[in-house]
Amino acid sequence: MKKLKNEKELVKKAIALGTVYGQKRGVVEFEATDSASAKLEYIYRLLVHDKLIQPLPQDKVSQQAIKHRLAIWASQFENKS
């Protein structure tokens, strides 16, 4: 798995975009006390459920892999914002 050039920023963007997406769907309302890793996992599972991203193989699911997958997803919106 090759690390993206600006992966940290893309992960932050993925959390923001995923939160907005989940709120528009009416399925999520994160609390201030929710950790970034919990948010990332929830957003990942929501996007997989809605078939917006490909799921990771079950044996490859990790925090690092989820961050990478969501960073790739957020990079699609790079030029649109």
C-alpha atoms as a PDB file:
ATOM      1  CA  MET A   1       0.000   0.000   0.000  1.00  0.00           C
ATOM      2  CA  LYS A   2       1.672   3.176  -1.225  1.00  0.00           C
ATOM      3  CA  LYS A   3       1.132   6.184   1.014  1.00  0.00           C
ATOM      4  CA  LEU A   4      -0.484   9.165  -0.666  1.00  0.00           C
ATOM      5  CA  LYS A   5       1.397  12.441  -0.823  1.00  0.00           C
ATOM      6  CA  ASN A   6      -1.025  14.369   1.408  1.00  0.00           C
ATOM      7  CA  GLU A   7      -2.749  11.462   3.131  1.00  0.00           C
ATOM      8  CA  LYS A   8      -3.178  13.166   6.537  1.00  0.00           C
ATOM      9  CA  GLU A   9      -5.080  16.070   5.004  1.00  0.00           C
ATOM     10  CA  LEU A  10      -7.162  13.690   2.887  1.00  0.00           C
ATOM     11  CA  VAL A  11      -8.080  11.647   5.977  1.00  0.00           C
ATOM     12  CA  LYS A  12      -9.288  14.820   7.705  1.00  0.00           C
ATOM     13  CA  LYS A  13     -11.240  15.720   4.586  1.00  0.00           C
ATOM     14  CA  ALA A  14     -12.721  12.204   4.458  1.00  0.00           C
ATOM     15  CA  ILE A  15     -13.978  12.572   8.034  1.00  0.00           C
ATOM     16  CA  ALA A  16     -15.597  15.906   7.173  1.00  0.00           C
ATOM     17  CA  LEU A  17     -17.147  14.638   3.927  1.00  0.00           C
ATOM     18  CA  GLY A  18     -18.243  11.357   5.502  1.00  0.00           C
ATOM     19  CA  THR A  19     -19.849  13.151   8.435  1.00  0.00           C
ATOM     20  CA  VAL A  20     -21.824  15.422   6.116  1.00  0.00           C
ATOM     21  CA  TYR A  21     -22.832  12.440   3.970  1.00  0.00           C
ATOM     22  CA  GLY A  22     -23.989  10.462   7.009  1.00  0.00           C
ATOM     23  CA  GLN A  23     -25.949  13.404   8.396  1.00  0.00           C
ATOM     24  CA  LYS A  24     -27.697  13.976   5.051  1.00  0.00           C
ATOM     25  CA  ARG A  25     -28.658  10.314   5.068  1.00  0.00           C
ATOM     26  CA  GLY A  26     -29.902  10.742   8.621  1.00  0.00           C
ATOM     27  CA  VAL A  27     -27.855   7.853   9.979  1.00  0.00           C
ATOM     28  CA  VAL A  28     -25.114   9.548  11.978  1.00  0.00           C
ATOM     29  CA  GLU A  29     -24.611  12.277  14.501  1.00  0.00           C
ATOM     30  CA  PHE A  30     -21.131  12.208  15.967  1.00  0.00           C
ATOM     31  CA  GLU A  31     -20.482  13.507  19.464  1.00  0.00           C
ATOM     32  CA  ALA A  32     -17.492  15.657  20.390  1.00  0.00           C
ATOM     33  CA  THR A  33     -16.175  12.771  22.471  1.00  0.00           C
ATOM     34  CA  ASP A  34     -16.124  10.306  19.545  1.00  0.00           C
ATOM     35  CA  SER A  35     -12.596   9.379  18.539  1.00  0.00           C
ATOM     36  CA  ALA A  36     -11.272   9.884  15.026  1.00  0.00           C
ATOM     37  CA  SER A  37     -10.753   6.135  14.664  1.00  0.00           C
ATOM     38  CA  ALA A  38     -14.391   5.442  15.587  1.00  0.00           C
ATOM     39  CA  LYS A  39     -15.554   8.041  13.073  1.00  0.00           C
ATOM     40  CA  LEU A  40     -13.306   6.593  10.376  1.00  0.00           C
ATOM     41  CA  GLU A  41     -14.564   3.064  10.943  1.00  0.00           C
ATOM     42  CA  TYR A  42     -18.212   4.153  10.921  1.00  0.00           C
ATOM     43  CA  ILE A  43     -17.759   6.224   7.747  1.00  0.00           C
ATOM     44  CA  TYR A  44     -15.896   3.344   6.079  1.00  0.00           C
ATOM     45  CA  ARG A  45     -18.665   0.880   6.901  1.00  0.00           C
ATOM     46  CA  LEU A  46     -21.359   3.320   5.748  1.00  0.00           C
ATOM     47  CA  LEU A  47     -19.637   3.916   2.404  1.00  0.00           C
ATOM     48  CA  VAL A  48     -19.121   0.185   1.888  1.00  0.00           C
ATOM     49  CA  HIS A  49     -22.774  -0.450   2.744  1.00  0.00           C
ATOM     50  CA  ASP A  50     -23.883   2.187   0.226  1.00  0.00           C
ATOM     51  CA  LYS A  51     -21.451   0.719  -2.332  1.00  0.00           C
ATOM     52  CA  LEU A  52     -19.547   3.977  -2.738  1.00  0.00           C
ATOM     53  CA  ILE A  53     -16.196   2.279  -2.048  1.00  0.00           C
ATOM     54  CA  GLN A  54     -14.914  -1.273  -2.393  1.00  0.00           C
ATOM     55  CA  PRO A  55     -14.664  -3.181   0.894  1.00  0.00           C
ATOM     56  CA  LEU A  56     -11.272  -4.301   2.091  1.00  0.00           C
ATOM     57  CA  PRO A  57     -10.677  -8.048   2.325  1.00  0.00           C
ATOM     58  CA  GLN A  58     -11.708  -9.186   5.814  1.00  0.00           C
ATOM     59  CA  ASP A  59      -8.169 -10.154   6.793  1.00  0.00           C
ATOM     60  CA  LYS A  60      -6.771  -6.785   5.630  1.00  0.00           C
ATOM     61  CA  VAL A  61      -9.070  -4.495   7.635  1.00  0.00           C
ATOM     62  CA  SER A  62      -6.995  -2.275   9.909  1.00  0.00           C
ATOM     63  CA  GLN A  63      -7.019   1.353  10.998  1.00  0.00           C
ATOM     64  CA  GLN A  64      -4.204   2.142   8.557  1.00  0.00           C
ATOM     65  CA  ALA A  65      -5.978   0.439   5.639  1.00  0.00           C
ATOM     66  CA  ILE A  66      -9.262   2.215   6.434  1.00  0.00           C
ATOM     67  CA  LYS A  67      -7.471   5.576   6.553  1.00  0.00           C
ATOM     68  CA  HIS A  68      -5.830   4.864   3.206  1.00  0.00           C
ATOM     69  CA  ARG A  69      -9.071   3.753   1.560  1.00  0.00           C
ATOM     70  CA  LEU A  70     -10.941   6.826   2.823  1.00  0.00           C
ATOM     71  CA  ALA A  71      -8.079   9.124   1.750  1.00  0.00           C
ATOM     72  CA  ILE A  72      -8.384   7.731  -1.762  1.00  0.00           C
ATOM     73  CA  TRP A  73     -12.150   8.311  -1.630  1.00  0.00           C
ATOM     74  CA  ALA A  74     -11.683  11.911  -0.423  1.00  0.00           C
ATOM     75  CA  SER A  75      -9.122  12.585  -3.163  1.00  0.00           C
ATOM     76  CA  GLN A  76     -11.938  12.235  -5.716  1.00  0.00           C
ATOM     77  CA  PHE A  77     -13.376  15.493  -4.335  1.00  0.00           C
ATOM     78  CA  GLU A  78     -10.005  17.302  -4.381  1.00  0.00           C
ATOM     79  CA  ASN A  79     -10.791  19.537  -7.355  1.00  0.00           C
ATOM     80  CA  LYS A  80     -14.458  19.998  -6.494  1.00  0.00           C
ATOM     81  CA  SER A  81     -14.008  21.946  -3.256  1.00  0.00           C
END
